[in-house]
Every structure is written in structure tokens, then in C-alpha cells.
C-alpha atoms as a PDB file:
ATOM      1  CA  MET A   1     -48.401 152.519-102.396  1.00  0.00           C
ATOM      2  CA  LEU A   2     -48.034 150.128-105.311  1.00  0.00           C
ATOM      3  CA  GLY A   3     -50.152 149.407-108.069  1.00  0.00           C
ATOM      4  CA  LEU A   4     -49.776 145.625-108.270  1.00  0.00           C
ATOM      5  CA  CYS A   5     -49.139 142.906-105.457  1.00  0.00           C
ATOM      6  CA  ALA A   6     -45.822 142.403-104.526  1.00  0.00           C
ATOM      7  CA  ASP A   7     -44.065 139.050-105.400  1.00  0.00           C
ATOM      8  CA  THR A   8     -42.610 138.643-101.849  1.00  0.00           C
ATOM      9  CA  VAL A   9     -42.863 139.998 -98.638  1.00  0.00           C
ATOM     10  CA  LEU A  10     -40.379 139.592 -95.689  1.00  0.00           C
ATOM     11  CA  PHE A  11     -42.178 140.828 -92.482  1.00  0.00           C
ATOM     12  CA  ASN A  12     -41.687 140.849 -88.426  1.00  0.00           C
ATOM     13  CA  GLY A  13     -37.803 140.843 -88.871  1.00  0.00           C
ATOM     14  CA  LYS A  14     -34.419 143.473 -89.100  1.00  0.00           C
ATOM     15  CA  ILE A  15     -34.407 144.538 -92.986  1.00  0.00           C
ATOM     16  CA  ILE A  16     -31.048 146.142 -93.277  1.00  0.00           C
ATOM     17  CA  THR A  17     -31.834 148.132 -96.528  1.00  0.00           C
ATOM     18  CA  VAL A  18     -28.574 149.352 -97.219  1.00  0.00           C
ATOM     19  CA  ASP A  19     -29.610 152.776 -98.273  1.00  0.00           C
ATOM     20  CA  GLU A  20     -27.453 155.958 -97.389  1.00  0.00           C
ATOM     21  CA  GLY A  21     -28.400 156.234 -93.835  1.00  0.00           C
ATOM     22  CA  ASN A  22     -28.026 152.398 -93.239  1.00  0.00           C
ATOM     23  CA  SER A  23     -31.585 152.516 -92.067  1.00  0.00           C
ATOM     24  CA  ILE A  24     -33.372 149.254 -90.394  1.00  0.00           C
ATOM     25  CA  ALA A  25     -36.972 148.233 -91.213  1.00  0.00           C
ATOM     26  CA  GLU A  26     -39.257 145.846 -90.243  1.00  0.00           C
ATOM     27  CA  ALA A  27     -40.870 144.428 -93.222  1.00  0.00           C
ATOM     28  CA  VAL A  28     -40.473 144.973 -97.335  1.00  0.00           C
ATOM     29  CA  ALA A  29     -42.220 144.417-100.154  1.00  0.00           C
ATOM     30  CA  ILE A  30     -40.349 143.205-102.971  1.00  0.00           C
ATOM     31  CA  ARG A  31     -41.451 142.662-106.970  1.00  0.00           C
ATOM     32  CA  ASP A  32     -39.549 141.874-109.779  1.00  0.00           C
ATOM     33  CA  GLY A  33     -36.247 141.535-107.645  1.00  0.00           C
ATOM     34  CA  ARG A  34     -36.267 144.888-106.168  1.00  0.00           C
ATOM     35  CA  PHE A  35     -37.635 146.464-102.757  1.00  0.00           C
ATOM     36  CA  VAL A  36     -40.704 148.569-103.991  1.00  0.00           C
ATOM     37  CA  ALA A  37     -42.131 149.307-100.246  1.00  0.00           C
ATOM     38  CA  VAL A  38     -40.284 149.615 -96.975  1.00  0.00           C
ATOM     39  CA  GLY A  39     -42.189 149.889 -93.535  1.00  0.00           C
ATOM     40  CA  GLY A  40     -43.902 148.229 -90.781  1.00  0.00           C
ATOM     41  CA  SER A  41     -45.031 144.954 -90.805  1.00  0.00           C
ATOM     42  CA  GLU A  42     -48.901 145.476 -91.063  1.00  0.00           C
ATOM     43  CA  GLU A  43     -48.581 148.402 -93.709  1.00  0.00           C
ATOM     44  CA  ILE A  44     -46.351 145.829 -96.009  1.00  0.00           C
ATOM     45  CA  LYS A  45     -48.325 142.882 -95.129  1.00  0.00           C
ATOM     46  CA  ALA A  46     -51.399 144.695 -96.864  1.00  0.00           C
ATOM     47  CA  LEU A  47     -49.071 144.954 -99.910  1.00  0.00           C
ATOM     48  CA  ALA A  48     -49.380 141.164-100.202  1.00  0.00           C
ATOM     49  CA  GLY A  49     -52.032 139.292-102.771  1.00  0.00           C
ATOM     50  CA  GLU A  50     -53.281 135.726-103.631  1.00  0.00           C
ATOM     51  CA  SER A  51     -49.996 134.733-105.355  1.00  0.00           C
ATOM     52  CA  THR A  52     -47.572 136.833-103.163  1.00  0.00           C
ATOM     53  CA  THR A  53     -44.876 134.723-101.194  1.00  0.00           C
ATOM     54  CA  VAL A  54     -45.125 135.802 -97.364  1.00  0.00           C
ATOM     55  CA  ILE A  55     -42.135 134.916 -94.951  1.00  0.00           C
ATOM     56  CA  ASP A  56     -42.209 135.787 -91.369  1.00  0.00           C
ATOM     57  CA  LEU A  57     -38.641 136.619 -90.502  1.00  0.00           C
ATOM     58  CA  LYS A  58     -39.388 136.316 -86.449  1.00  0.00           C
ATOM     59  CA  GLY A  59     -36.716 138.729 -85.688  1.00  0.00           C
ATOM     60  CA  LYS A  60     -34.251 137.587 -88.084  1.00  0.00           C
ATOM     61  CA  THR A  61     -32.115 139.898 -90.175  1.00  0.00           C
ATOM     62  CA  ALA A  62     -32.480 140.123 -94.145  1.00  0.00           C
ATOM     63  CA  MET A  63     -30.615 142.318 -96.007  1.00  0.00           C
ATOM     64  CA  PRO A  64     -30.566 142.604-100.103  1.00  0.00           C
ATOM     65  CA  GLY A  65     -28.241 140.773-102.248  1.00  0.00           C
ATOM     66  CA  ILE A  66     -25.537 142.270-104.180  1.00  0.00           C
ATOM     67  CA  ILE A  67     -25.086 141.037-107.851  1.00  0.00           C
END
């Protein structure tokens, strides 16, 4: 899925993707401030490397900020 590891992985939550369908995902991988993968927790956690910040949302909701 990714050529490089994600900078940050958020999993076990409700990720509001703000896409055209306003879909909700369980996990997201972020690199350079952008969503690079969205999906299930196990699938996305596999994109974490040694230097990746991994955050368990424990069912909480997260959404991207608007800059």
C-alpha cells in the first residue's frame, strides 16, 4: 500500500474521512500531514514502522483539521 512507513497511525476509532460519501473508517495512516491509507485497524497498523507514532483512539472520533 505504501512505499514508506506512515508518520502516524490512528486506529480503533471512528475516522471521519470527509470524502465525497462522508464515510467512516476504523483507522488511518498519515504521512507528511496527509491521509495516505484508510481502512481497518489491523490493515493500517501494518503500515507502522519503528519511528511511527501509533495512537489507539479507544473508540473515539477523529477527523482531519481544516487549514
